[in-house]
Amino acid sequence: MYEILDDGFFPPFQHLLFAVEQVRPDRAALMTRRELEELK
């Protein structure tokens, strides 16, 4: 996991919807779309 070194404008997540490593750009978009569909 990463730690932010300069967090003056990087607030913590209220709710992490998802996190994934080693993802291609097209899969990143698809995963984001699916998660956001749940939020309507």
Full PDB file with SEQRES, HELIX, SHEET, SSBOND, CRYST1, ORIGX, SCALE, CONECT and MASTER records, all heavy atoms in Angstrom:
SEQRES   1 A   40  MET TYR GLU ILE LEU ASP ASP GLY PHE PHE PRO PRO PHE          
SEQRES   2 A   40  GLN HIS LEU LEU PHE ALA VAL GLU GLN VAL ARG PRO ASP          
SEQRES   3 A   40  ARG ALA ALA LEU MET THR ARG ARG GLU LEU GLU GLU LEU          
SEQRES   4 A   40  LYS                                                          
HELIX    1 AA1 PRO A   25  LEU A   39  1                                  15    
CRYST1    1.000    1.000    1.000  90.00  90.00  90.00 P 1           1          
ORIGX1      1.000000  0.000000  0.000000        0.00000                         
ORIGX2      0.000000  1.000000  0.000000        0.00000                         
ORIGX3      0.000000  0.000000  1.000000        0.00000                         
SCALE1      1.000000  0.000000  0.000000        0.00000                         
SCALE2      0.000000  1.000000  0.000000        0.00000                         
SCALE3      0.000000  0.000000  1.000000        0.00000                         
ATOM      1  N   MET A   1       0.841  -1.190   0.000  1.00  0.00           N  
ATOM      2  CA  MET A   1       0.000   0.000   0.000  1.00  0.00           C  
ATOM      3  C   MET A   1       0.877   1.242   0.000  1.00  0.00           C  
ATOM      4  O   MET A   1       1.947   1.237   0.572  1.00  0.00           O  
ATOM      5  CB  MET A   1      -0.903  -0.022   1.223  1.00  0.00           C  
ATOM      6  CG  MET A   1      -1.925   1.075   1.223  1.00  0.00           C  
ATOM      7  SD  MET A   1      -2.931   1.068  -0.259  1.00  0.00           S  
ATOM      8  CE  MET A   1      -4.527   1.087   0.434  1.00  0.00           C  
ATOM      9  N   TYR A   2       0.393   2.269  -0.632  1.00  0.00           N  
ATOM     10  CA  TYR A   2       1.143   3.509  -0.718  1.00  0.00           C  
ATOM     11  C   TYR A   2       0.788   4.451   0.432  1.00  0.00           C  
ATOM     12  O   TYR A   2      -0.311   4.423   0.967  1.00  0.00           O  
ATOM     13  CB  TYR A   2       0.811   4.231  -2.031  1.00  0.00           C  
ATOM     14  CG  TYR A   2       1.470   3.624  -3.234  1.00  0.00           C  
ATOM     15  CD1 TYR A   2       0.838   2.645  -3.971  1.00  0.00           C  
ATOM     16  CD2 TYR A   2       2.721   4.053  -3.634  1.00  0.00           C  
ATOM     17  CE1 TYR A   2       1.440   2.099  -5.092  1.00  0.00           C  
ATOM     18  CE2 TYR A   2       3.329   3.518  -4.754  1.00  0.00           C  
ATOM     19  CZ  TYR A   2       2.682   2.547  -5.474  1.00  0.00           C  
ATOM     20  OH  TYR A   2       3.279   2.018  -6.577  1.00  0.00           O  
ATOM     21  N   GLU A   3       1.730   5.297   0.758  1.00  0.00           N  
ATOM     22  CA  GLU A   3       1.509   6.364   1.735  1.00  0.00           C  
ATOM     23  C   GLU A   3       1.763   7.684   1.027  1.00  0.00           C  
ATOM     24  O   GLU A   3       2.772   7.838   0.332  1.00  0.00           O  
ATOM     25  CB  GLU A   3       2.500   6.197   2.899  1.00  0.00           C  
ATOM     26  CG  GLU A   3       2.461   7.330   3.879  1.00  0.00           C  
ATOM     27  CD  GLU A   3       3.581   7.215   4.914  1.00  0.00           C  
ATOM     28  OE1 GLU A   3       4.197   6.147   5.018  1.00  0.00           O  
ATOM     29  OE2 GLU A   3       3.831   8.209   5.589  1.00  0.00           O  
ATOM     30  N   ILE A   4       0.838   8.635   1.171  1.00  0.00           N  
ATOM     31  CA  ILE A   4       0.983   9.937   0.526  1.00  0.00           C  
ATOM     32  C   ILE A   4       1.954  10.779   1.339  1.00  0.00           C  
ATOM     33  O   ILE A   4       1.813  10.917   2.547  1.00  0.00           O  
ATOM     34  CB  ILE A   4      -0.372  10.663   0.418  1.00  0.00           C  
ATOM     35  CG1 ILE A   4      -1.399   9.778  -0.287  1.00  0.00           C  
ATOM     36  CG2 ILE A   4      -0.228  12.001  -0.294  1.00  0.00           C  
ATOM     37  CD1 ILE A   4      -0.990   9.309  -1.644  1.00  0.00           C  
ATOM     38  N   LEU A   5       2.944  11.362   0.671  1.00  0.00           N  
ATOM     39  CA  LEU A   5       3.943  12.147   1.369  1.00  0.00           C  
ATOM     40  C   LEU A   5       3.518  13.595   1.565  1.00  0.00           C  
ATOM     41  O   LEU A   5       3.931  14.241   2.502  1.00  0.00           O  
ATOM     42  CB  LEU A   5       5.274  12.091   0.615  1.00  0.00           C  
ATOM     43  CG  LEU A   5       5.861  10.685   0.454  1.00  0.00           C  
ATOM     44  CD1 LEU A   5       7.173  10.751  -0.302  1.00  0.00           C  
ATOM     45  CD2 LEU A   5       6.047  10.018   1.800  1.00  0.00           C  
ATOM     46  N   ASP A   6       2.703  14.133   0.666  1.00  0.00           N  
ATOM     47  CA  ASP A   6       2.241  15.515   0.772  1.00  0.00           C  
ATOM     48  C   ASP A   6       0.724  15.490   0.714  1.00  0.00           C  
ATOM     49  O   ASP A   6       0.127  15.544  -0.348  1.00  0.00           O  
ATOM     50  CB  ASP A   6       2.803  16.344  -0.379  1.00  0.00           C  
ATOM     51  CG  ASP A   6       2.338  17.785  -0.337  1.00  0.00           C  
ATOM     52  OD1 ASP A   6       1.574  18.150   0.580  1.00  0.00           O  
ATOM     53  OD2 ASP A   6       2.736  18.553  -1.217  1.00  0.00           O  
ATOM     54  N   ASP A   7       0.092  15.368   1.876  1.00  0.00           N  
ATOM     55  CA  ASP A   7      -1.355  15.161   1.882  1.00  0.00           C  
ATOM     56  C   ASP A   7      -2.150  16.414   2.222  1.00  0.00           C  
ATOM     57  O   ASP A   7      -3.264  16.322   2.707  1.00  0.00           O  
ATOM     58  CB  ASP A   7      -1.723  14.022   2.841  1.00  0.00           C  
ATOM     59  CG  ASP A   7      -1.369  14.346   4.284  1.00  0.00           C  
ATOM     60  OD1 ASP A   7      -0.677  15.342   4.523  1.00  0.00           O  
ATOM     61  OD2 ASP A   7      -1.797  13.609   5.164  1.00  0.00           O  
ATOM     62  N   GLY A   8      -1.624  17.580   1.956  1.00  0.00           N  
ATOM     63  CA  GLY A   8      -2.332  18.806   2.261  1.00  0.00           C  
ATOM     64  C   GLY A   8      -3.674  18.932   1.545  1.00  0.00           C  
ATOM     65  O   GLY A   8      -4.598  19.550   2.053  1.00  0.00           O  
ATOM     66  N   PHE A   9      -3.811  18.330   0.353  1.00  0.00           N  
ATOM     67  CA  PHE A   9      -5.044  18.445  -0.417  1.00  0.00           C  
ATOM     68  C   PHE A   9      -5.523  17.067  -0.864  1.00  0.00           C  
ATOM     69  O   PHE A   9      -6.166  16.914  -1.879  1.00  0.00           O  
ATOM     70  CB  PHE A   9      -4.797  19.349  -1.631  1.00  0.00           C  
ATOM     71  CG  PHE A   9      -6.047  19.904  -2.235  1.00  0.00           C  
ATOM     72  CD1 PHE A   9      -6.914  20.687  -1.491  1.00  0.00           C  
ATOM     73  CD2 PHE A   9      -6.362  19.656  -3.553  1.00  0.00           C  
ATOM     74  CE1 PHE A   9      -8.065  21.195  -2.063  1.00  0.00           C  
ATOM     75  CE2 PHE A   9      -7.515  20.168  -4.129  1.00  0.00           C  
ATOM     76  CZ  PHE A   9      -8.359  20.940  -3.379  1.00  0.00           C  
ATOM     77  N   PHE A  10      -5.174  16.047  -0.092  1.00  0.00           N  
ATOM     78  CA  PHE A  10      -5.500  14.669  -0.449  1.00  0.00           C  
ATOM     79  C   PHE A  10      -6.221  14.019   0.724  1.00  0.00           C  
ATOM     80  O   PHE A  10      -5.622  13.264   1.493  1.00  0.00           O  
ATOM     81  CB  PHE A  10      -4.217  13.899  -0.786  1.00  0.00           C  
ATOM     82  CG  PHE A  10      -4.458  12.608  -1.511  1.00  0.00           C  
ATOM     83  CD1 PHE A  10      -4.689  12.600  -2.873  1.00  0.00           C  
ATOM     84  CD2 PHE A  10      -4.450  11.407  -0.840  1.00  0.00           C  
ATOM     85  CE1 PHE A  10      -4.901  11.401  -3.557  1.00  0.00           C  
ATOM     86  CE2 PHE A  10      -4.660  10.204  -1.507  1.00  0.00           C  
ATOM     87  CZ  PHE A  10      -4.888  10.213  -2.865  1.00  0.00           C  
ATOM     88  N   PRO A  11      -7.526  14.336   0.890  1.00  0.00           N  
ATOM     89  CA  PRO A  11      -8.251  13.812   2.054  1.00  0.00           C  
ATOM     90  C   PRO A  11      -8.464  12.306   1.955  1.00  0.00           C  
ATOM     91  O   PRO A  11      -8.470  11.750   0.858  1.00  0.00           O  
ATOM     92  CB  PRO A  11      -9.590  14.554   1.991  1.00  0.00           C  
ATOM     93  CG  PRO A  11      -9.768  14.897   0.558  1.00  0.00           C  
ATOM     94  CD  PRO A  11      -8.376  15.135   0.020  1.00  0.00           C  
ATOM     95  N   PRO A  12      -8.620  11.642   3.092  1.00  0.00           N  
ATOM     96  CA  PRO A  12      -8.854  10.199   3.072  1.00  0.00           C  
ATOM     97  C   PRO A  12     -10.219   9.885   2.464  1.00  0.00           C  
ATOM     98  O   PRO A  12     -11.132  10.714   2.463  1.00  0.00           O  
ATOM     99  CB  PRO A  12      -8.813   9.811   4.550  1.00  0.00           C  
ATOM    100  CG  PRO A  12      -9.167  11.066   5.271  1.00  0.00           C  
ATOM    101  CD  PRO A  12      -8.648  12.195   4.438  1.00  0.00           C  
ATOM    102  N   PHE A  13     -10.365   8.666   1.965  1.00  0.00           N  
ATOM    103  CA  PHE A  13     -11.656   8.244   1.433  1.00  0.00           C  
ATOM    104  C   PHE A  13     -12.669   8.155   2.569  1.00  0.00           C  
ATOM    105  O   PHE A  13     -12.364   7.654   3.643  1.00  0.00           O  
ATOM    106  CB  PHE A  13     -11.559   6.856   0.771  1.00  0.00           C  
ATOM    107  CG  PHE A  13     -10.933   6.879  -0.590  1.00  0.00           C  
ATOM    108  CD1 PHE A  13      -9.684   6.317  -0.796  1.00  0.00           C  
ATOM    109  CD2 PHE A  13     -11.594   7.439  -1.673  1.00  0.00           C  
ATOM    110  CE1 PHE A  13      -9.107   6.311  -2.056  1.00  0.00           C  
ATOM    111  CE2 PHE A  13     -11.033   7.445  -2.936  1.00  0.00           C  
ATOM    112  CZ  PHE A  13      -9.780   6.881  -3.123  1.00  0.00           C  
ATOM    113  N   GLN A  14     -13.880   8.647   2.316  1.00  0.00           N  
ATOM    114  CA  GLN A  14     -14.998   8.385   3.224  1.00  0.00           C  
ATOM    115  C   GLN A  14     -15.418   6.936   3.042  1.00  0.00           C  
ATOM    116  O   GLN A  14     -15.696   6.232   3.989  1.00  0.00           O  
ATOM    117  CB  GLN A  14     -16.183   9.305   2.914  1.00  0.00           C  
ATOM    118  CG  GLN A  14     -15.941  10.757   3.206  1.00  0.00           C  
ATOM    119  CD  GLN A  14     -17.100  11.619   2.730  1.00  0.00           C  
ATOM    120  OE1 GLN A  14     -17.674  11.380   1.672  1.00  0.00           O  
ATOM    121  NE2 GLN A  14     -17.439  12.624   3.503  1.00  0.00           N  
ATOM    122  N   HIS A  15     -15.481   6.538   1.764  1.00  0.00           N  
ATOM    123  CA  HIS A  15     -15.875   5.167   1.427  1.00  0.00           C  
ATOM    124  C   HIS A  15     -15.104   4.759   0.183  1.00  0.00           C  
ATOM    125  O   HIS A  15     -15.252   5.374  -0.876  1.00  0.00           O  
ATOM    126  CB  HIS A  15     -17.386   5.102   1.172  1.00  0.00           C  
ATOM    127  CG  HIS A  15     -17.875   3.737   0.813  1.00  0.00           C  
ATOM    128  ND1 HIS A  15     -17.809   2.674   1.676  1.00  0.00           N  
ATOM    129  CD2 HIS A  15     -18.406   3.263  -0.332  1.00  0.00           C  
ATOM    130  CE1 HIS A  15     -18.301   1.599   1.070  1.00  0.00           C  
ATOM    131  NE2 HIS A  15     -18.665   1.928  -0.150  1.00  0.00           N  
ATOM    132  N   LEU A  16     -14.263   3.739   0.305  1.00  0.00           N  
ATOM    133  CA  LEU A  16     -13.531   3.225  -0.840  1.00  0.00           C  
ATOM    134  C   LEU A  16     -14.457   2.297  -1.611  1.00  0.00           C  
ATOM    135  O   LEU A  16     -14.905   1.282  -1.088  1.00  0.00           O  
ATOM    136  CB  LEU A  16     -12.282   2.468  -0.374  1.00  0.00           C  
ATOM    137  CG  LEU A  16     -11.393   1.899  -1.485  1.00  0.00           C  
ATOM    138  CD1 LEU A  16     -10.799   3.016  -2.341  1.00  0.00           C  
ATOM    139  CD2 LEU A  16     -10.284   1.047  -0.872  1.00  0.00           C  
ATOM    140  N   LEU A  17     -14.785   2.654  -2.833  1.00  0.00           N  
ATOM    141  CA  LEU A  17     -15.682   1.844  -3.642  1.00  0.00           C  
ATOM    142  C   LEU A  17     -14.966   0.600  -4.160  1.00  0.00           C  
ATOM    143  O   LEU A  17     -15.503  -0.493  -4.116  1.00  0.00           O  
ATOM    144  CB  LEU A  17     -16.247   2.660  -4.797  1.00  0.00           C  
ATOM    145  CG  LEU A  17     -17.065   3.888  -4.391  1.00  0.00           C  
ATOM    146  CD1 LEU A  17     -17.430   4.721  -5.606  1.00  0.00           C  
ATOM    147  CD2 LEU A  17     -18.308   3.472  -3.623  1.00  0.00           C  
ATOM    148  N   PHE A  18     -13.753   0.773  -4.675  1.00  0.00           N  
ATOM    149  CA  PHE A  18     -12.937  -0.380  -5.048  1.00  0.00           C  
ATOM    150  C   PHE A  18     -11.498   0.054  -5.257  1.00  0.00           C  
ATOM    151  O   PHE A  18     -11.198   1.226  -5.458  1.00  0.00           O  
ATOM    152  CB  PHE A  18     -13.478  -1.098  -6.289  1.00  0.00           C  
ATOM    153  CG  PHE A  18     -13.261  -0.373  -7.588  1.00  0.00           C  
ATOM    154  CD1 PHE A  18     -12.127  -0.585  -8.349  1.00  0.00           C  
ATOM    155  CD2 PHE A  18     -14.224   0.504  -8.069  1.00  0.00           C  
ATOM    156  CE1 PHE A  18     -11.942   0.080  -9.552  1.00  0.00           C  
ATOM    157  CE2 PHE A  18     -14.056   1.165  -9.270  1.00  0.00           C  
ATOM    158  CZ  PHE A  18     -12.896   0.956 -10.018  1.00  0.00           C  
ATOM    159  N   ALA A  19     -10.604  -0.911  -5.175  1.00  0.00           N  
ATOM    160  CA  ALA A  19      -9.186  -0.703  -5.456  1.00  0.00           C  
ATOM    161  C   ALA A  19      -8.697  -1.938  -6.199  1.00  0.00           C  
ATOM    162  O   ALA A  19      -9.106  -3.060  -5.887  1.00  0.00           O  
ATOM    163  CB  ALA A  19      -8.403  -0.515  -4.165  1.00  0.00           C  
ATOM    164  N   VAL A  20      -7.863  -1.731  -7.179  1.00  0.00           N  
ATOM    165  CA  VAL A  20      -7.348  -2.849  -7.972  1.00  0.00           C  
ATOM    166  C   VAL A  20      -5.940  -2.494  -8.449  1.00  0.00           C  
ATOM    167  O   VAL A  20      -5.644  -1.331  -8.707  1.00  0.00           O  
ATOM    168  CB  VAL A  20      -8.296  -3.168  -9.155  1.00  0.00           C  
ATOM    169  CG1 VAL A  20      -8.386  -2.010 -10.123  1.00  0.00           C  
ATOM    170  CG2 VAL A  20      -7.898  -4.441  -9.865  1.00  0.00           C  
ATOM    171  N   GLU A  21      -5.099  -3.503  -8.522  1.00  0.00           N  
ATOM    172  CA  GLU A  21      -3.742  -3.305  -9.015  1.00  0.00           C  
ATOM    173  C   GLU A  21      -3.568  -3.996 -10.359  1.00  0.00           C  
ATOM    174  O   GLU A  21      -4.308  -4.911 -10.700  1.00  0.00           O  
ATOM    175  CB  GLU A  21      -2.729  -3.839  -7.999  1.00  0.00           C  
ATOM    176  CG  GLU A  21      -2.768  -3.046  -6.709  1.00  0.00           C  
ATOM    177  CD  GLU A  21      -1.683  -3.418  -5.731  1.00  0.00           C  
ATOM    178  OE1 GLU A  21      -0.768  -4.180  -6.098  1.00  0.00           O  
ATOM    179  OE2 GLU A  21      -1.756  -2.936  -4.597  1.00  0.00           O  
ATOM    180  N   GLN A  22      -2.570  -3.532 -11.110  1.00  0.00           N  
ATOM    181  CA  GLN A  22      -2.210  -4.120 -12.401  1.00  0.00           C  
ATOM    182  C   GLN A  22      -3.403  -4.161 -13.352  1.00  0.00           C  
ATOM    183  O   GLN A  22      -3.689  -5.170 -13.975  1.00  0.00           O  
ATOM    184  CB  GLN A  22      -1.674  -5.530 -12.215  1.00  0.00           C  
ATOM    185  CG  GLN A  22      -0.239  -5.725 -11.939  1.00  0.00           C  
ATOM    186  CD  GLN A  22       0.405  -4.957 -10.799  1.00  0.00           C  
ATOM    187  OE1 GLN A  22      -0.029  -3.902 -10.361  1.00  0.00           O  
ATOM    188  NE2 GLN A  22       1.497  -5.472 -10.334  1.00  0.00           N  
ATOM    189  N   VAL A  23      -4.132  -3.069 -13.472  1.00  0.00           N  
ATOM    190  CA  VAL A  23      -5.325  -3.027 -14.315  1.00  0.00           C  
ATOM    191  C   VAL A  23      -5.023  -2.241 -15.596  1.00  0.00           C  
ATOM    192  O   VAL A  23      -4.326  -1.231 -15.549  1.00  0.00           O  
ATOM    193  CB  VAL A  23      -6.524  -2.419 -13.547  1.00  0.00           C  
ATOM    194  CG1 VAL A  23      -6.280  -0.966 -13.184  1.00  0.00           C  
ATOM    195  CG2 VAL A  23      -7.806  -2.562 -14.330  1.00  0.00           C  
ATOM    196  N   ARG A  24      -5.530  -2.721 -16.723  1.00  0.00           N  
ATOM    197  CA  ARG A  24      -5.384  -2.016 -17.991  1.00  0.00           C  
ATOM    198  C   ARG A  24      -6.386  -0.863 -18.034  1.00  0.00           C  
ATOM    199  O   ARG A  24      -7.414  -0.897 -17.366  1.00  0.00           O  
ATOM    200  CB  ARG A  24      -5.639  -2.961 -19.153  1.00  0.00           C  
ATOM    201  CG  ARG A  24      -4.621  -4.068 -19.270  1.00  0.00           C  
ATOM    202  CD  ARG A  24      -4.837  -4.892 -20.530  1.00  0.00           C  
ATOM    203  NE  ARG A  24      -6.212  -4.961 -20.950  1.00  0.00           N  
ATOM    204  CZ  ARG A  24      -6.878  -6.084 -21.184  1.00  0.00           C  
ATOM    205  NH1 ARG A  24      -6.295  -7.245 -21.029  1.00  0.00           N  
ATOM    206  NH2 ARG A  24      -8.121  -6.067 -21.590  1.00  0.00           N  
ATOM    207  N   PRO A  25      -6.122   0.150 -18.860  1.00  0.00           N  
ATOM    208  CA  PRO A  25      -7.036   1.293 -18.948  1.00  0.00           C  
ATOM    209  C   PRO A  25      -8.474   0.920 -19.309  1.00  0.00           C  
ATOM    210  O   PRO A  25      -9.420   1.441 -18.716  1.00  0.00           O  
ATOM    211  CB  PRO A  25      -6.400   2.169 -20.030  1.00  0.00           C  
ATOM    212  CG  PRO A  25      -4.960   1.828 -19.981  1.00  0.00           C  
ATOM    213  CD  PRO A  25      -4.906   0.368 -19.651  1.00  0.00           C  
ATOM    214  N   ASP A  26      -8.665   0.013 -20.272  1.00  0.00           N  
ATOM    215  CA  ASP A  26     -10.019  -0.359 -20.671  1.00  0.00           C  
ATOM    216  C   ASP A  26     -10.757  -1.058 -19.530  1.00  0.00           C  
ATOM    217  O   ASP A  26     -11.941  -0.818 -19.295  1.00  0.00           O  
ATOM    218  CB  ASP A  26     -10.003  -1.222 -21.936  1.00  0.00           C  
ATOM    219  CG  ASP A  26      -9.204  -2.508 -21.787  1.00  0.00           C  
ATOM    220  OD1 ASP A  26      -8.213  -2.528 -21.032  1.00  0.00           O  
ATOM    221  OD2 ASP A  26      -9.566  -3.508 -22.442  1.00  0.00           O  
ATOM    222  N   ARG A  27     -10.066  -1.915 -18.779  1.00  0.00           N  
ATOM    223  CA  ARG A  27     -10.676  -2.600 -17.633  1.00  0.00           C  
ATOM    224  C   ARG A  27     -10.954  -1.612 -16.507  1.00  0.00           C  
ATOM    225  O   ARG A  27     -11.946  -1.740 -15.799  1.00  0.00           O  
ATOM    226  CB  ARG A  27      -9.765  -3.723 -17.132  1.00  0.00           C  
ATOM    227  CG  ARG A  27      -9.560  -4.842 -18.120  1.00  0.00           C  
ATOM    228  CD  ARG A  27     -10.765  -5.726 -18.289  1.00  0.00           C  
ATOM    229  NE  ARG A  27     -11.152  -6.281 -17.007  1.00  0.00           N  
ATOM    230  CZ  ARG A  27     -12.390  -6.595 -16.663  1.00  0.00           C  
ATOM    231  NH1 ARG A  27     -13.371  -6.437 -17.521  1.00  0.00           N  
ATOM    232  NH2 ARG A  27     -12.666  -7.085 -15.485  1.00  0.00           N  
ATOM    233  N   ALA A  28     -10.084  -0.624 -16.347  1.00  0.00           N  
ATOM    234  CA  ALA A  28     -10.301   0.396 -15.316  1.00  0.00           C  
ATOM    235  C   ALA A  28     -11.603   1.144 -15.580  1.00  0.00           C  
ATOM    236  O   ALA A  28     -12.405   1.381 -14.668  1.00  0.00           O  
ATOM    237  CB  ALA A  28      -9.125   1.369 -15.275  1.00  0.00           C  
ATOM    238  N   ALA A  29     -11.823   1.505 -16.838  1.00  0.00           N  
ATOM    239  CA  ALA A  29     -13.055   2.213 -17.198  1.00  0.00           C  
ATOM    240  C   ALA A  29     -14.274   1.333 -16.964  1.00  0.00           C  
ATOM    241  O   ALA A  29     -15.286   1.785 -16.412  1.00  0.00           O  
ATOM    242  CB  ALA A  29     -12.989   2.668 -18.654  1.00  0.00           C  
ATOM    243  N   LEU A  30     -14.198   0.071 -17.373  1.00  0.00           N  
ATOM    244  CA  LEU A  30     -15.322  -0.851 -17.203  1.00  0.00           C  
ATOM    245  C   LEU A  30     -15.646  -1.083 -15.728  1.00  0.00           C  
ATOM    246  O   LEU A  30     -16.813  -1.043 -15.324  1.00  0.00           O  
ATOM    247  CB  LEU A  30     -15.010  -2.187 -17.891  1.00  0.00           C  
ATOM    248  CG  LEU A  30     -16.103  -3.248 -17.816  1.00  0.00           C  
ATOM    249  CD1 LEU A  30     -17.364  -2.784 -18.513  1.00  0.00           C  
ATOM    250  CD2 LEU A  30     -15.600  -4.550 -18.435  1.00  0.00           C  
ATOM    251  N   MET A  31     -14.633  -1.303 -14.914  1.00  0.00           N  
ATOM    252  CA  MET A  31     -14.855  -1.514 -13.481  1.00  0.00           C  
ATOM    253  C   MET A  31     -15.464  -0.275 -12.836  1.00  0.00           C  
ATOM    254  O   MET A  31     -16.355  -0.376 -11.992  1.00  0.00           O  
ATOM    255  CB  MET A  31     -13.545  -1.875 -12.791  1.00  0.00           C  
ATOM    256  CG  MET A  31     -12.993  -3.208 -13.227  1.00  0.00           C  
ATOM    257  SD  MET A  31     -11.345  -3.507 -12.558  1.00  0.00           S  
ATOM    258  CE  MET A  31     -11.766  -3.780 -10.848  1.00  0.00           C  
ATOM    259  N   THR A  32     -14.977   0.886 -13.234  1.00  0.00           N  
ATOM    260  CA  THR A  32     -15.516   2.138 -12.692  1.00  0.00           C  
ATOM    261  C   THR A  32     -16.976   2.300 -13.083  1.00  0.00           C  
ATOM    262  O   THR A  32     -17.818   2.638 -12.257  1.00  0.00           O  
ATOM    263  CB  THR A  32     -14.677   3.330 -13.182  1.00  0.00           C  
ATOM    264  OG1 THR A  32     -13.320   3.133 -12.773  1.00  0.00           O  
ATOM    265  CG2 THR A  32     -15.199   4.634 -12.611  1.00  0.00           C  
ATOM    266  N   ARG A  33     -17.291   2.039 -14.357  1.00  0.00           N  
ATOM    267  CA  ARG A  33     -18.674   2.145 -14.817  1.00  0.00           C  
ATOM    268  C   ARG A  33     -19.599   1.231 -14.024  1.00  0.00           C  
ATOM    269  O   ARG A  33     -20.669   1.643 -13.566  1.00  0.00           O  
ATOM    270  CB  ARG A  33     -18.773   1.797 -16.302  1.00  0.00           C  
ATOM    271  CG  ARG A  33     -20.214   1.888 -16.830  1.00  0.00           C  
ATOM    272  CD  ARG A  33     -20.365   1.430 -18.278  1.00  0.00           C  
ATOM    273  NE  ARG A  33     -19.253   1.823 -19.099  1.00  0.00           N  
ATOM    274  CZ  ARG A  33     -18.690   1.023 -20.008  1.00  0.00           C  
ATOM    275  NH1 ARG A  33     -19.128  -0.192 -20.205  1.00  0.00           N  
ATOM    276  NH2 ARG A  33     -17.677   1.449 -20.732  1.00  0.00           N  
ATOM    277  N   ARG A  34     -19.191  -0.003 -13.840  1.00  0.00           N  
ATOM    278  CA  ARG A  34     -20.032  -0.963 -13.098  1.00  0.00           C  
ATOM    279  C   ARG A  34     -20.260  -0.529 -11.656  1.00  0.00           C  
ATOM    280  O   ARG A  34     -21.363  -0.665 -11.129  1.00  0.00           O  
ATOM    281  CB  ARG A  34     -19.406  -2.343 -13.146  1.00  0.00           C  
ATOM    282  CG  ARG A  34     -19.542  -2.979 -14.507  1.00  0.00           C  
ATOM    283  CD  ARG A  34     -19.019  -4.377 -14.517  1.00  0.00           C  
ATOM    284  NE  ARG A  34     -19.206  -4.976 -15.832  1.00  0.00           N  
ATOM    285  CZ  ARG A  34     -18.502  -5.974 -16.284  1.00  0.00           C  
ATOM    286  NH1 ARG A  34     -17.565  -6.524 -15.542  1.00  0.00           N  
ATOM    287  NH2 ARG A  34     -18.733  -6.460 -17.492  1.00  0.00           N  
ATOM    288  N   GLU A  35     -19.222  -0.027 -11.015  1.00  0.00           N  
ATOM    289  CA  GLU A  35     -19.368   0.413  -9.627  1.00  0.00           C  
ATOM    290  C   GLU A  35     -20.288   1.631  -9.546  1.00  0.00           C  
ATOM    291  O   GLU A  35     -21.137   1.723  -8.660  1.00  0.00           O  
ATOM    292  CB  GLU A  35     -18.002   0.740  -9.025  1.00  0.00           C  
ATOM    293  CG  GLU A  35     -18.036   1.003  -7.552  1.00  0.00           C  
ATOM    294  CD  GLU A  35     -18.472  -0.204  -6.735  1.00  0.00           C  
ATOM    295  OE1 GLU A  35     -18.060  -1.345  -7.048  1.00  0.00           O  
ATOM    296  OE2 GLU A  35     -19.247  -0.001  -5.774  1.00  0.00           O  
ATOM    297  N   LEU A  36     -20.155   2.548 -10.486  1.00  0.00           N  
ATOM    298  CA  LEU A  36     -20.973   3.759 -10.453  1.00  0.00           C  
ATOM    299  C   LEU A  36     -22.427   3.481 -10.804  1.00  0.00           C  
ATOM    300  O   LEU A  36     -23.322   4.205 -10.357  1.00  0.00           O  
ATOM    301  CB  LEU A  36     -20.385   4.828 -11.375  1.00  0.00           C  
ATOM    302  CG  LEU A  36     -18.995   5.324 -10.966  1.00  0.00           C  
ATOM    303  CD1 LEU A  36     -18.499   6.356 -11.956  1.00  0.00           C  
ATOM    304  CD2 LEU A  36     -18.978   5.872  -9.557  1.00  0.00           C  
ATOM    305  N   GLU A  37     -22.687   2.434 -11.595  1.00  0.00           N  
ATOM    306  CA  GLU A  37     -24.071   2.055 -11.888  1.00  0.00           C  
ATOM    307  C   GLU A  37     -24.804   1.701 -10.599  1.00  0.00           C  
ATOM    308  O   GLU A  37     -25.991   1.994 -10.447  1.00  0.00           O  
ATOM    309  CB  GLU A  37     -24.112   0.874 -12.861  1.00  0.00           C  
ATOM    310  CG  GLU A  37     -23.798   1.265 -14.286  1.00  0.00           C  
ATOM    311  CD  GLU A  37     -23.670   0.072 -15.222  1.00  0.00           C  
ATOM    312  OE1 GLU A  37     -23.747  -1.092 -14.759  1.00  0.00           O  
ATOM    313  OE2 GLU A  37     -23.470   0.311 -16.424  1.00  0.00           O  
ATOM    314  N   GLU A  38     -24.081   1.101  -9.659  1.00  0.00           N  
ATOM    315  CA  GLU A  38     -24.681   0.751  -8.367  1.00  0.00           C  
ATOM    316  C   GLU A  38     -25.098   1.999  -7.582  1.00  0.00           C  
ATOM    317  O   GLU A  38     -26.035   1.969  -6.803  1.00  0.00           O  
ATOM    318  CB  GLU A  38     -23.701  -0.073  -7.526  1.00  0.00           C  
ATOM    319  CG  GLU A  38     -23.310  -1.396  -8.142  1.00  0.00           C  
ATOM    320  CD  GLU A  38     -24.474  -2.373  -8.177  1.00  0.00           C  
ATOM    321  OE1 GLU A  38     -25.229  -2.430  -7.188  1.00  0.00           O  
ATOM    322  OE2 GLU A  38     -24.634  -3.063  -9.201  1.00  0.00           O  
ATOM    323  N   LEU A  39     -24.388   3.100  -7.789  1.00  0.00           N  
ATOM    324  CA  LEU A  39     -24.689   4.345  -7.071  1.00  0.00           C  
ATOM    325  C   LEU A  39     -25.811   5.145  -7.721  1.00  0.00           C  
ATOM    326  O   LEU A  39     -26.285   6.119  -7.150  1.00  0.00           O  
ATOM    327  CB  LEU A  39     -23.427   5.219  -6.987  1.00  0.00           C  
ATOM    328  CG  LEU A  39     -22.253   4.641  -6.214  1.00  0.00           C  
ATOM    329  CD1 LEU A  39     -21.082   5.613  -6.249  1.00  0.00           C  
ATOM    330  CD2 LEU A  39     -22.649   4.311  -4.785  1.00  0.00           C  
ATOM    331  N   LYS A  40     -26.185   4.746  -8.950  1.00  0.00           N  
ATOM    332  CA  LYS A  40     -27.250   5.428  -9.698  1.00  0.00           C  
ATOM    333  C   LYS A  40     -26.975   6.941  -9.842  1.00  0.00           C  
ATOM    334  O   LYS A  40     -27.844   7.771  -9.625  1.00  0.00           O  
ATOM    335  CB  LYS A  40     -28.610   5.164  -9.054  1.00  0.00           C  
ATOM    336  CG  LYS A  40     -28.951   3.674  -8.997  1.00  0.00           C  
ATOM    337  CD  LYS A  40     -30.351   3.441  -8.543  1.00  0.00           C  
ATOM    338  CE  LYS A  40     -30.738   2.011  -8.354  1.00  0.00           C  
ATOM    339  NZ  LYS A  40     -30.168   0.990  -9.133  1.00  0.00           N  
TER     340      LYS A  40                                                      
MASTER        0    0    0    1    0    0    0    6  339    1    0    4          
END                                                                             
